[in-house]
Amino acid sequence: MERPDFSEITKIGIVIAILIILLGGFILLRIKRVPTLKPAAVAPTSSNQMYFKPAKTESTVGGQFDVDIYFRAKDKILFGADSVVSFDPNYLEVSQVQPATFFREYPRKKIDAANGVVKITGYNPVNNKPLSEDVLFATLKIKAKKKGSVKLKFDYKAGSTNTTTLVERGTSKNILAVVNQMNVEIK
C-alpha cells in the first residue's frame, strides 16, 4: 500500500480546517439568531381580558360598595367563563354575587368567606355572535371590615382551565390573556 505524499495530507488538512471554520460560523450565526425573550409590554386594550371595575376604590369601615367584573374578547364567540377572585377576609366581606345577563346559566356563585375566595361560572350565552364590546359578567356586593389597603385578585394561569377563564366556543380553549387586580383603600 502506498503512503500518501505530504501534499495530499496537506490538502486533506486544509479541507478539514475549512469544514471546521464553516461549522463554527454556522453555529455562531445560529446562536445570534435565537431570539431573546424581552419583558412583556403592557397588554393592548384589545386583548382577551377580565377586569374589575372600578380598578380602585375607597371606603370606610362598615361601608358597602359594588365591584363589577367585566370581560373583553373582541370578535370571539364564547361558550363560558369562570372567575375565581381572592381577597383578604380580614379586610373585606363579600355578601352577594349578582350574575349579569350575558350567559343563560350561572351554576356556580360560591362565596368562601373564611378563605377569601369567590367562584363564579357562567355558560351558554344568550347571543352566540362574536363580541364587539366589553361584557358585564357579575357584580360583587362588598363590605369593608377594617382599616388598611387590600387587593382583589383573579386566580389566573395562562391556558389553564381550572382558574379564571374565557372559554372559546368550538375550541374549548381558555383564551383569556390578561387580568387586573383591584386596590381598595379602607379608612
N, C-alpha and C. Protein backbone atom coordinates (compact mmCIF):
# COMPACT_ATOMS: atom_id res chain seq x y z
N MET A 1 0.83 -1.16 0.00
CA MET A 1 0.00 0.00 0.00
C MET A 1 0.89 1.24 0.00
N GLU A 2 0.49 2.16 -0.81
CA GLU A 2 1.29 3.37 -0.95
C GLU A 2 0.94 4.36 0.14
N ARG A 3 1.97 5.03 0.56
CA ARG A 3 1.78 6.09 1.52
C ARG A 3 1.45 7.37 0.80
N PRO A 4 0.41 8.10 1.29
CA PRO A 4 0.12 9.36 0.61
C PRO A 4 1.28 10.33 0.83
N ASP A 5 1.52 11.10 -0.17
CA ASP A 5 2.62 12.04 -0.01
C ASP A 5 2.16 13.25 0.81
N PHE A 6 3.11 14.04 1.15
CA PHE A 6 2.88 15.16 2.04
C PHE A 6 1.86 16.15 1.47
N SER A 7 1.81 16.35 0.17
CA SER A 7 0.89 17.32 -0.43
C SER A 7 -0.56 16.87 -0.29
N GLU A 8 -0.83 15.55 -0.37
CA GLU A 8 -2.20 15.06 -0.19
C GLU A 8 -2.66 15.24 1.25
N ILE A 9 -1.79 15.00 2.21
CA ILE A 9 -2.12 15.18 3.63
C ILE A 9 -2.40 16.66 3.90
N THR A 10 -1.63 17.53 3.29
CA THR A 10 -1.85 18.96 3.44
C THR A 10 -3.21 19.36 2.90
N LYS A 11 -3.58 18.82 1.73
CA LYS A 11 -4.87 19.13 1.12
C LYS A 11 -6.02 18.66 2.02
N ILE A 12 -5.91 17.47 2.55
CA ILE A 12 -6.95 16.93 3.44
C ILE A 12 -7.06 17.79 4.70
N GLY A 13 -5.95 18.20 5.24
CA GLY A 13 -5.94 19.06 6.43
C GLY A 13 -6.60 20.40 6.17
N ILE A 14 -6.34 20.95 4.98
CA ILE A 14 -6.95 22.23 4.63
C ILE A 14 -8.47 22.08 4.50
N VAL A 15 -8.92 21.00 3.86
CA VAL A 15 -10.36 20.75 3.71
C VAL A 15 -11.01 20.60 5.09
N ILE A 16 -10.40 19.85 5.98
CA ILE A 16 -10.95 19.66 7.33
C ILE A 16 -10.98 21.00 8.08
N ALA A 17 -9.94 21.80 7.95
CA ALA A 17 -9.90 23.11 8.61
C ALA A 17 -11.02 24.01 8.08
N ILE A 18 -11.23 24.00 6.76
CA ILE A 18 -12.30 24.80 6.17
C ILE A 18 -13.66 24.33 6.69
N LEU A 19 -13.87 23.02 6.78
CA LEU A 19 -15.14 22.49 7.30
C LEU A 19 -15.37 22.90 8.75
N ILE A 20 -14.32 22.88 9.55
CA ILE A 20 -14.44 23.28 10.96
C ILE A 20 -14.78 24.76 11.05
N ILE A 21 -14.13 25.59 10.23
CA ILE A 21 -14.42 27.02 10.24
C ILE A 21 -15.87 27.28 9.80
N LEU A 22 -16.33 26.60 8.76
CA LEU A 22 -17.72 26.77 8.30
C LEU A 22 -18.71 26.32 9.36
N LEU A 23 -18.44 25.20 9.98
CA LEU A 23 -19.32 24.69 11.02
C LEU A 23 -19.36 25.65 12.20
N GLY A 24 -18.22 26.18 12.61
CA GLY A 24 -18.17 27.16 13.71
C GLY A 24 -18.94 28.42 13.35
N GLY A 25 -18.78 28.90 12.12
CA GLY A 25 -19.52 30.08 11.67
C GLY A 25 -21.02 29.84 11.67
N PHE A 26 -21.43 28.65 11.22
CA PHE A 26 -22.85 28.29 11.21
C PHE A 26 -23.42 28.28 12.63
N ILE A 27 -22.69 27.70 13.55
CA ILE A 27 -23.14 27.63 14.95
C ILE A 27 -23.22 29.04 15.53
N LEU A 28 -22.21 29.87 15.25
CA LEU A 28 -22.21 31.24 15.75
C LEU A 28 -23.40 32.04 15.22
N LEU A 29 -23.69 31.92 13.93
CA LEU A 29 -24.84 32.60 13.34
C LEU A 29 -26.14 32.09 13.95
N ARG A 30 -26.23 30.82 14.18
CA ARG A 30 -27.44 30.22 14.75
C ARG A 30 -27.68 30.73 16.17
N ILE A 31 -26.63 30.84 16.93
CA ILE A 31 -26.76 31.35 18.31
C ILE A 31 -27.23 32.79 18.30
N LYS A 32 -26.70 33.60 17.40
CA LYS A 32 -27.10 35.01 17.33
C LYS A 32 -28.52 35.18 16.83
N ARG A 33 -29.04 34.24 16.07
CA ARG A 33 -30.40 34.33 15.54
C ARG A 33 -31.46 33.94 16.55
N VAL A 34 -31.12 33.17 17.56
CA VAL A 34 -32.11 32.74 18.55
C VAL A 34 -32.63 33.97 19.27
N PRO A 35 -33.94 34.21 19.19
CA PRO A 35 -34.48 35.42 19.81
C PRO A 35 -34.39 35.35 21.33
N THR A 36 -34.12 36.48 21.92
CA THR A 36 -34.11 36.54 23.37
C THR A 36 -35.47 37.02 23.82
N LEU A 37 -35.91 36.52 24.95
CA LEU A 37 -37.20 36.92 25.48
C LEU A 37 -37.07 38.28 26.14
N LYS A 38 -37.95 39.18 25.76
CA LYS A 38 -37.96 40.51 26.33
C LYS A 38 -39.15 40.60 27.27
N PRO A 39 -39.06 41.46 28.27
CA PRO A 39 -40.22 41.61 29.16
C PRO A 39 -41.45 42.02 28.35
N ALA A 40 -42.58 41.47 28.74
CA ALA A 40 -43.82 41.77 28.03
C ALA A 40 -44.19 43.23 28.23
N ALA A 41 -44.64 43.82 27.17
CA ALA A 41 -45.10 45.19 27.24
C ALA A 41 -46.50 45.19 27.86
N VAL A 42 -46.99 46.35 28.18
CA VAL A 42 -48.35 46.46 28.70
C VAL A 42 -49.30 45.91 27.64
N ALA A 43 -50.21 45.07 28.06
CA ALA A 43 -51.10 44.41 27.11
C ALA A 43 -51.96 45.43 26.38
N PRO A 44 -52.14 45.22 25.09
CA PRO A 44 -53.01 46.12 24.35
C PRO A 44 -54.45 45.99 24.84
N THR A 45 -55.22 47.03 24.64
CA THR A 45 -56.58 47.02 25.14
C THR A 45 -57.47 46.04 24.39
N SER A 46 -56.99 45.50 23.27
CA SER A 46 -57.82 44.56 22.52
C SER A 46 -57.63 43.12 23.00
N SER A 47 -56.76 42.88 23.97
CA SER A 47 -56.51 41.53 24.47
C SER A 47 -57.77 40.93 25.08
N ASN A 48 -57.83 39.63 25.06
CA ASN A 48 -58.89 38.92 25.76
C ASN A 48 -58.59 39.05 27.25
N GLN A 49 -59.46 39.73 27.96
CA GLN A 49 -59.14 40.02 29.35
C GLN A 49 -60.36 40.01 30.25
N MET A 50 -60.11 39.90 31.56
CA MET A 50 -61.12 40.03 32.58
C MET A 50 -60.60 41.07 33.56
N TYR A 51 -61.50 41.96 33.98
CA TYR A 51 -61.03 43.04 34.84
C TYR A 51 -62.12 43.50 35.79
N PHE A 52 -61.66 44.16 36.87
CA PHE A 52 -62.56 44.75 37.85
C PHE A 52 -62.85 46.19 37.45
N LYS A 53 -64.09 46.61 37.73
CA LYS A 53 -64.45 48.00 37.51
C LYS A 53 -65.21 48.47 38.73
N PRO A 54 -64.75 49.46 39.44
CA PRO A 54 -63.58 50.27 39.16
C PRO A 54 -62.29 49.51 39.48
N ALA A 55 -61.17 50.03 39.01
CA ALA A 55 -59.88 49.39 39.26
C ALA A 55 -59.37 49.70 40.67
N LYS A 56 -59.91 50.76 41.27
CA LYS A 56 -59.57 51.08 42.66
C LYS A 56 -60.74 51.84 43.26
N THR A 57 -60.85 51.74 44.58
CA THR A 57 -61.91 52.46 45.27
C THR A 57 -61.48 52.72 46.70
N GLU A 58 -62.21 53.61 47.35
CA GLU A 58 -62.01 53.90 48.76
C GLU A 58 -63.32 53.64 49.49
N SER A 59 -63.20 53.23 50.75
CA SER A 59 -64.38 53.00 51.57
C SER A 59 -64.00 53.29 53.01
N THR A 60 -65.00 53.30 53.86
CA THR A 60 -64.77 53.43 55.29
C THR A 60 -65.13 52.11 55.94
N VAL A 61 -64.67 51.90 57.15
CA VAL A 61 -65.01 50.68 57.87
C VAL A 61 -66.53 50.61 58.00
N GLY A 62 -67.10 49.49 57.61
CA GLY A 62 -68.54 49.31 57.62
C GLY A 62 -69.21 49.75 56.33
N GLY A 63 -68.47 50.41 55.46
CA GLY A 63 -69.01 50.88 54.19
C GLY A 63 -69.22 49.73 53.22
N GLN A 64 -70.21 49.90 52.36
CA GLN A 64 -70.51 48.88 51.35
C GLN A 64 -70.32 49.47 49.96
N PHE A 65 -69.85 48.64 49.04
CA PHE A 65 -69.63 49.09 47.67
C PHE A 65 -69.78 47.90 46.72
N ASP A 66 -69.99 48.22 45.46
CA ASP A 66 -70.12 47.20 44.42
C ASP A 66 -68.86 47.16 43.57
N VAL A 67 -68.51 45.96 43.14
CA VAL A 67 -67.41 45.77 42.21
C VAL A 67 -67.94 44.95 41.04
N ASP A 68 -67.81 45.50 39.84
CA ASP A 68 -68.24 44.79 38.63
C ASP A 68 -67.08 44.01 38.05
N ILE A 69 -67.37 42.83 37.55
CA ILE A 69 -66.39 42.02 36.83
C ILE A 69 -66.79 42.03 35.37
N TYR A 70 -65.91 42.52 34.53
CA TYR A 70 -66.14 42.61 33.09
C TYR A 70 -65.17 41.69 32.36
N PHE A 71 -65.52 41.32 31.14
CA PHE A 71 -64.55 40.66 30.28
C PHE A 71 -64.63 41.24 28.88
N ARG A 72 -63.54 41.05 28.15
CA ARG A 72 -63.41 41.51 26.77
C ARG A 72 -62.82 40.36 25.96
N ALA A 73 -63.45 40.06 24.84
CA ALA A 73 -62.96 39.03 23.91
C ALA A 73 -63.42 39.43 22.51
N LYS A 74 -62.87 40.53 22.03
CA LYS A 74 -63.32 41.12 20.77
C LYS A 74 -63.26 40.12 19.62
N ASP A 75 -64.36 40.04 18.89
CA ASP A 75 -64.51 39.18 17.71
C ASP A 75 -64.44 37.68 18.03
N LYS A 76 -64.63 37.32 19.29
CA LYS A 76 -64.64 35.90 19.69
C LYS A 76 -66.06 35.50 20.09
N ILE A 77 -66.37 34.22 19.90
CA ILE A 77 -67.63 33.66 20.37
C ILE A 77 -67.29 32.79 21.57
N LEU A 78 -67.90 33.10 22.70
CA LEU A 78 -67.59 32.37 23.93
C LEU A 78 -68.61 31.28 24.21
N PHE A 79 -68.12 30.24 24.89
CA PHE A 79 -69.01 29.20 25.41
C PHE A 79 -69.31 29.48 26.88
N GLY A 80 -68.27 29.93 27.60
CA GLY A 80 -68.46 30.17 29.02
C GLY A 80 -67.31 30.96 29.60
N ALA A 81 -67.43 31.24 30.90
CA ALA A 81 -66.39 31.97 31.62
C ALA A 81 -66.41 31.56 33.08
N ASP A 82 -65.24 31.65 33.69
CA ASP A 82 -65.09 31.40 35.12
C ASP A 82 -64.32 32.56 35.72
N SER A 83 -64.71 32.94 36.91
CA SER A 83 -63.99 33.98 37.63
C SER A 83 -63.70 33.44 39.02
N VAL A 84 -62.42 33.39 39.38
CA VAL A 84 -62.01 33.00 40.72
C VAL A 84 -61.30 34.21 41.31
N VAL A 85 -61.96 34.83 42.29
CA VAL A 85 -61.48 36.08 42.88
C VAL A 85 -61.01 35.79 44.30
N SER A 86 -59.83 36.30 44.63
CA SER A 86 -59.34 36.15 46.01
C SER A 86 -59.20 37.52 46.66
N PHE A 87 -59.36 37.55 47.98
CA PHE A 87 -59.28 38.78 48.75
C PHE A 87 -58.93 38.42 50.18
N ASP A 88 -58.52 39.39 50.95
CA ASP A 88 -58.19 39.16 52.36
C ASP A 88 -59.47 39.28 53.18
N PRO A 89 -59.93 38.17 53.76
CA PRO A 89 -61.20 38.19 54.51
C PRO A 89 -61.11 38.97 55.83
N ASN A 90 -59.90 39.35 56.25
CA ASN A 90 -59.78 40.20 57.44
C ASN A 90 -60.22 41.62 57.14
N TYR A 91 -60.16 42.02 55.86
CA TYR A 91 -60.48 43.39 55.47
C TYR A 91 -61.81 43.52 54.73
N LEU A 92 -62.18 42.49 53.99
CA LEU A 92 -63.38 42.57 53.15
C LEU A 92 -64.31 41.40 53.40
N GLU A 93 -65.59 41.65 53.17
CA GLU A 93 -66.61 40.59 53.24
C GLU A 93 -67.47 40.71 51.98
N VAL A 94 -67.49 39.64 51.20
CA VAL A 94 -68.36 39.62 50.01
C VAL A 94 -69.68 39.00 50.46
N SER A 95 -70.76 39.76 50.32
CA SER A 95 -72.05 39.30 50.82
C SER A 95 -72.92 38.70 49.72
N GLN A 96 -72.66 39.09 48.46
CA GLN A 96 -73.54 38.61 47.39
C GLN A 96 -72.82 38.65 46.04
N VAL A 97 -73.18 37.69 45.19
CA VAL A 97 -72.75 37.68 43.80
C VAL A 97 -74.00 37.84 42.95
N GLN A 98 -74.04 38.89 42.15
CA GLN A 98 -75.16 39.10 41.24
C GLN A 98 -74.70 38.81 39.82
N PRO A 99 -75.14 37.70 39.24
CA PRO A 99 -74.74 37.42 37.86
C PRO A 99 -75.38 38.41 36.89
N ALA A 100 -74.71 38.67 35.80
CA ALA A 100 -75.26 39.53 34.76
C ALA A 100 -76.15 38.68 33.85
N THR A 101 -76.50 39.20 32.70
CA THR A 101 -77.45 38.51 31.83
C THR A 101 -76.84 37.97 30.54
N PHE A 102 -75.50 38.03 30.41
CA PHE A 102 -74.86 37.58 29.18
C PHE A 102 -75.02 36.07 28.98
N PHE A 103 -74.85 35.31 30.05
CA PHE A 103 -75.00 33.85 29.98
C PHE A 103 -76.37 33.44 30.50
N ARG A 104 -76.90 32.36 29.93
CA ARG A 104 -78.19 31.82 30.40
C ARG A 104 -78.04 31.11 31.74
N GLU A 105 -76.90 30.48 31.93
CA GLU A 105 -76.68 29.66 33.13
C GLU A 105 -75.52 30.20 33.95
N TYR A 106 -75.73 30.30 35.25
CA TYR A 106 -74.68 30.65 36.22
C TYR A 106 -74.76 29.60 37.33
N PRO A 107 -74.25 28.39 37.08
CA PRO A 107 -74.42 27.32 38.06
C PRO A 107 -73.57 27.47 39.32
N ARG A 108 -72.52 28.29 39.24
CA ARG A 108 -71.66 28.43 40.43
C ARG A 108 -71.52 29.91 40.77
N LYS A 109 -71.97 30.23 41.99
CA LYS A 109 -71.85 31.57 42.57
C LYS A 109 -71.50 31.36 44.04
N LYS A 110 -70.28 30.90 44.28
CA LYS A 110 -69.89 30.47 45.61
C LYS A 110 -69.00 31.50 46.29
N ILE A 111 -69.37 31.84 47.53
CA ILE A 111 -68.57 32.74 48.36
C ILE A 111 -67.99 31.92 49.50
N ASP A 112 -66.66 31.84 49.56
CA ASP A 112 -65.97 31.18 50.67
C ASP A 112 -65.40 32.30 51.54
N ALA A 113 -66.21 32.79 52.47
CA ALA A 113 -65.85 33.95 53.29
C ALA A 113 -64.63 33.69 54.16
N ALA A 114 -64.50 32.49 54.69
CA ALA A 114 -63.39 32.17 55.59
C ALA A 114 -62.04 32.24 54.87
N ASN A 115 -61.99 31.81 53.62
CA ASN A 115 -60.73 31.78 52.87
C ASN A 115 -60.57 32.97 51.92
N GLY A 116 -61.58 33.79 51.80
CA GLY A 116 -61.49 34.95 50.92
C GLY A 116 -61.47 34.59 49.45
N VAL A 117 -62.41 33.75 49.02
CA VAL A 117 -62.47 33.32 47.62
C VAL A 117 -63.92 33.37 47.13
N VAL A 118 -64.09 33.90 45.92
CA VAL A 118 -65.40 33.90 45.26
C VAL A 118 -65.21 33.19 43.93
N LYS A 119 -66.09 32.19 43.65
CA LYS A 119 -66.03 31.46 42.38
C LYS A 119 -67.35 31.62 41.64
N ILE A 120 -67.23 32.05 40.37
CA ILE A 120 -68.41 32.28 39.55
C ILE A 120 -68.20 31.57 38.21
N THR A 121 -69.22 30.85 37.77
CA THR A 121 -69.17 30.20 36.45
C THR A 121 -70.43 30.56 35.69
N GLY A 122 -70.24 30.94 34.43
CA GLY A 122 -71.36 31.20 33.54
C GLY A 122 -71.12 30.51 32.21
N TYR A 123 -72.19 30.00 31.60
CA TYR A 123 -72.04 29.38 30.28
C TYR A 123 -73.36 29.50 29.52
N ASN A 124 -73.32 29.11 28.25
CA ASN A 124 -74.48 29.15 27.36
C ASN A 124 -74.94 30.59 27.14
N PRO A 125 -74.18 31.37 26.33
CA PRO A 125 -74.54 32.77 26.12
C PRO A 125 -75.91 32.93 25.46
N VAL A 126 -76.57 34.01 25.80
CA VAL A 126 -77.86 34.33 25.21
C VAL A 126 -77.71 34.57 23.71
N ASN A 127 -76.60 35.19 23.33
CA ASN A 127 -76.33 35.52 21.93
C ASN A 127 -75.03 34.85 21.49
N ASN A 128 -75.07 34.02 20.48
CA ASN A 128 -73.88 33.32 20.01
C ASN A 128 -73.21 34.03 18.84
N LYS A 129 -73.00 35.32 18.99
CA LYS A 129 -72.34 36.13 17.96
C LYS A 129 -70.99 36.59 18.49
N PRO A 130 -70.06 36.92 17.60
CA PRO A 130 -68.77 37.45 18.06
C PRO A 130 -68.97 38.72 18.88
N LEU A 131 -68.18 38.86 19.92
CA LEU A 131 -68.29 40.00 20.81
C LEU A 131 -67.70 41.25 20.17
N SER A 132 -68.37 42.36 20.38
CA SER A 132 -67.88 43.62 19.85
C SER A 132 -67.62 44.65 20.95
N GLU A 133 -68.03 44.34 22.17
CA GLU A 133 -67.82 45.27 23.27
C GLU A 133 -67.59 44.51 24.56
N ASP A 134 -67.16 45.22 25.59
CA ASP A 134 -66.93 44.61 26.89
C ASP A 134 -68.26 44.15 27.48
N VAL A 135 -68.20 43.07 28.25
CA VAL A 135 -69.41 42.44 28.78
C VAL A 135 -69.34 42.36 30.30
N LEU A 136 -70.43 42.76 30.96
CA LEU A 136 -70.53 42.60 32.41
C LEU A 136 -70.78 41.13 32.71
N PHE A 137 -69.93 40.54 33.55
CA PHE A 137 -70.04 39.13 33.91
C PHE A 137 -70.81 38.97 35.23
N ALA A 138 -70.46 39.78 36.24
CA ALA A 138 -71.13 39.69 37.54
C ALA A 138 -70.79 40.92 38.36
N THR A 139 -71.55 41.12 39.42
CA THR A 139 -71.30 42.20 40.36
C THR A 139 -71.15 41.60 41.75
N LEU A 140 -70.12 42.04 42.47
CA LEU A 140 -69.90 41.60 43.85
C LEU A 140 -70.34 42.71 44.79
N LYS A 141 -71.12 42.34 45.82
CA LYS A 141 -71.52 43.26 46.88
C LYS A 141 -70.52 43.06 48.02
N ILE A 142 -69.81 44.14 48.39
CA ILE A 142 -68.69 44.01 49.33
C ILE A 142 -68.86 44.99 50.48
N LYS A 143 -68.42 44.55 51.67
CA LYS A 143 -68.42 45.39 52.87
C LYS A 143 -66.98 45.48 53.39
N ALA A 144 -66.56 46.69 53.74
CA ALA A 144 -65.23 46.91 54.32
C ALA A 144 -65.28 46.59 55.82
N LYS A 145 -64.31 45.81 56.30
CA LYS A 145 -64.33 45.37 57.70
C LYS A 145 -63.37 46.12 58.62
N LYS A 146 -62.16 46.45 58.10
CA LYS A 146 -61.22 47.19 58.94
C LYS A 146 -60.29 48.03 58.09
N LYS A 147 -59.65 49.02 58.73
CA LYS A 147 -58.78 49.96 58.02
C LYS A 147 -57.58 49.25 57.40
N GLY A 148 -57.19 49.77 56.23
CA GLY A 148 -55.99 49.25 55.57
C GLY A 148 -56.14 49.24 54.06
N SER A 149 -55.12 48.71 53.41
CA SER A 149 -55.14 48.55 51.95
C SER A 149 -55.24 47.07 51.63
N VAL A 150 -56.07 46.76 50.66
CA VAL A 150 -56.28 45.36 50.30
C VAL A 150 -56.52 45.28 48.79
N LYS A 151 -56.26 44.11 48.23
CA LYS A 151 -56.44 43.90 46.79
C LYS A 151 -57.43 42.77 46.54
N LEU A 152 -58.20 42.93 45.48
CA LEU A 152 -58.98 41.83 44.93
C LEU A 152 -58.18 41.35 43.72
N LYS A 153 -57.98 40.05 43.61
CA LYS A 153 -57.17 39.50 42.53
C LYS A 153 -57.90 38.33 41.88
N PHE A 154 -57.65 38.15 40.59
CA PHE A 154 -58.13 36.97 39.89
C PHE A 154 -57.10 35.86 40.05
N ASP A 155 -57.56 34.65 40.36
CA ASP A 155 -56.69 33.48 40.32
C ASP A 155 -56.61 33.10 38.85
N TYR A 156 -55.45 33.26 38.24
CA TYR A 156 -55.33 33.09 36.80
C TYR A 156 -53.98 32.50 36.43
N LYS A 157 -54.02 31.54 35.53
CA LYS A 157 -52.81 30.97 34.95
C LYS A 157 -53.10 30.79 33.47
N ALA A 158 -52.27 31.38 32.62
CA ALA A 158 -52.49 31.34 31.16
C ALA A 158 -52.70 29.91 30.67
N GLY A 159 -53.75 29.71 29.90
CA GLY A 159 -54.04 28.41 29.30
C GLY A 159 -54.73 27.42 30.21
N SER A 160 -54.71 27.65 31.51
CA SER A 160 -55.32 26.73 32.46
C SER A 160 -56.85 26.84 32.37
N THR A 161 -57.50 25.74 32.61
CA THR A 161 -58.97 25.74 32.57
C THR A 161 -59.60 25.54 33.94
N ASN A 162 -58.80 25.60 35.01
CA ASN A 162 -59.39 25.44 36.34
C ASN A 162 -59.22 26.68 37.21
N THR A 163 -58.96 27.83 36.56
CA THR A 163 -58.89 29.10 37.28
C THR A 163 -59.81 30.08 36.56
N THR A 164 -59.47 31.35 36.53
CA THR A 164 -60.25 32.35 35.81
C THR A 164 -60.08 32.11 34.31
N THR A 165 -61.21 32.03 33.57
CA THR A 165 -61.15 31.65 32.16
C THR A 165 -62.13 32.43 31.31
N LEU A 166 -61.85 32.45 30.02
CA LEU A 166 -62.81 32.78 28.97
C LEU A 166 -62.71 31.62 27.99
N VAL A 167 -63.75 30.82 27.90
CA VAL A 167 -63.71 29.60 27.09
C VAL A 167 -64.34 29.86 25.73
N GLU A 168 -63.54 29.66 24.69
CA GLU A 168 -63.99 29.92 23.32
C GLU A 168 -64.87 28.78 22.82
N ARG A 169 -65.98 29.15 22.19
CA ARG A 169 -66.87 28.15 21.59
C ARG A 169 -66.14 27.49 20.42
N GLY A 170 -66.27 26.19 20.33
CA GLY A 170 -65.67 25.45 19.23
C GLY A 170 -64.33 24.84 19.56
N THR A 171 -63.48 25.58 20.31
CA THR A 171 -62.16 25.05 20.65
C THR A 171 -62.08 24.61 22.11
N SER A 172 -62.96 25.14 22.94
CA SER A 172 -62.96 24.90 24.39
C SER A 172 -61.64 25.31 25.05
N LYS A 173 -60.90 26.20 24.41
CA LYS A 173 -59.64 26.68 24.97
C LYS A 173 -59.89 27.92 25.81
N ASN A 174 -59.06 28.06 26.83
CA ASN A 174 -59.07 29.27 27.63
C ASN A 174 -58.31 30.34 26.84
N ILE A 175 -59.02 31.34 26.34
CA ILE A 175 -58.39 32.38 25.52
C ILE A 175 -58.08 33.63 26.33
N LEU A 176 -58.30 33.58 27.63
CA LEU A 176 -58.02 34.73 28.48
C LEU A 176 -56.52 35.02 28.47
N ALA A 177 -56.14 36.28 28.25
CA ALA A 177 -54.73 36.64 28.16
C ALA A 177 -54.29 37.61 29.26
N VAL A 178 -55.22 38.41 29.78
CA VAL A 178 -54.86 39.46 30.72
C VAL A 178 -55.92 39.56 31.81
N VAL A 179 -55.47 39.72 33.04
CA VAL A 179 -56.36 40.04 34.16
C VAL A 179 -55.76 41.22 34.91
N ASN A 180 -56.58 41.93 35.68
CA ASN A 180 -56.05 43.00 36.50
C ASN A 180 -56.34 42.69 37.96
N GLN A 181 -55.98 43.59 38.82
CA GLN A 181 -56.35 43.48 40.22
C GLN A 181 -56.97 44.80 40.63
N MET A 182 -57.66 44.77 41.75
CA MET A 182 -58.33 45.99 42.21
C MET A 182 -57.75 46.37 43.57
N ASN A 183 -57.49 47.65 43.75
CA ASN A 183 -56.99 48.16 45.01
C ASN A 183 -58.13 48.81 45.78
N VAL A 184 -58.25 48.47 47.06
CA VAL A 184 -59.26 49.04 47.94
C VAL A 184 -58.55 49.67 49.13
N GLU A 185 -58.83 50.92 49.36
CA GLU A 185 -58.28 51.64 50.49
C GLU A 185 -59.42 51.85 51.49
N ILE A 186 -59.26 51.30 52.68
CA ILE A 186 -60.29 51.40 53.71
C ILE A 186 -59.80 52.36 54.79
N LYS A 187 -60.61 53.39 55.05
CA LYS A 187 -60.20 54.44 56.02
C LYS A 187 -61.04 54.39 57.27
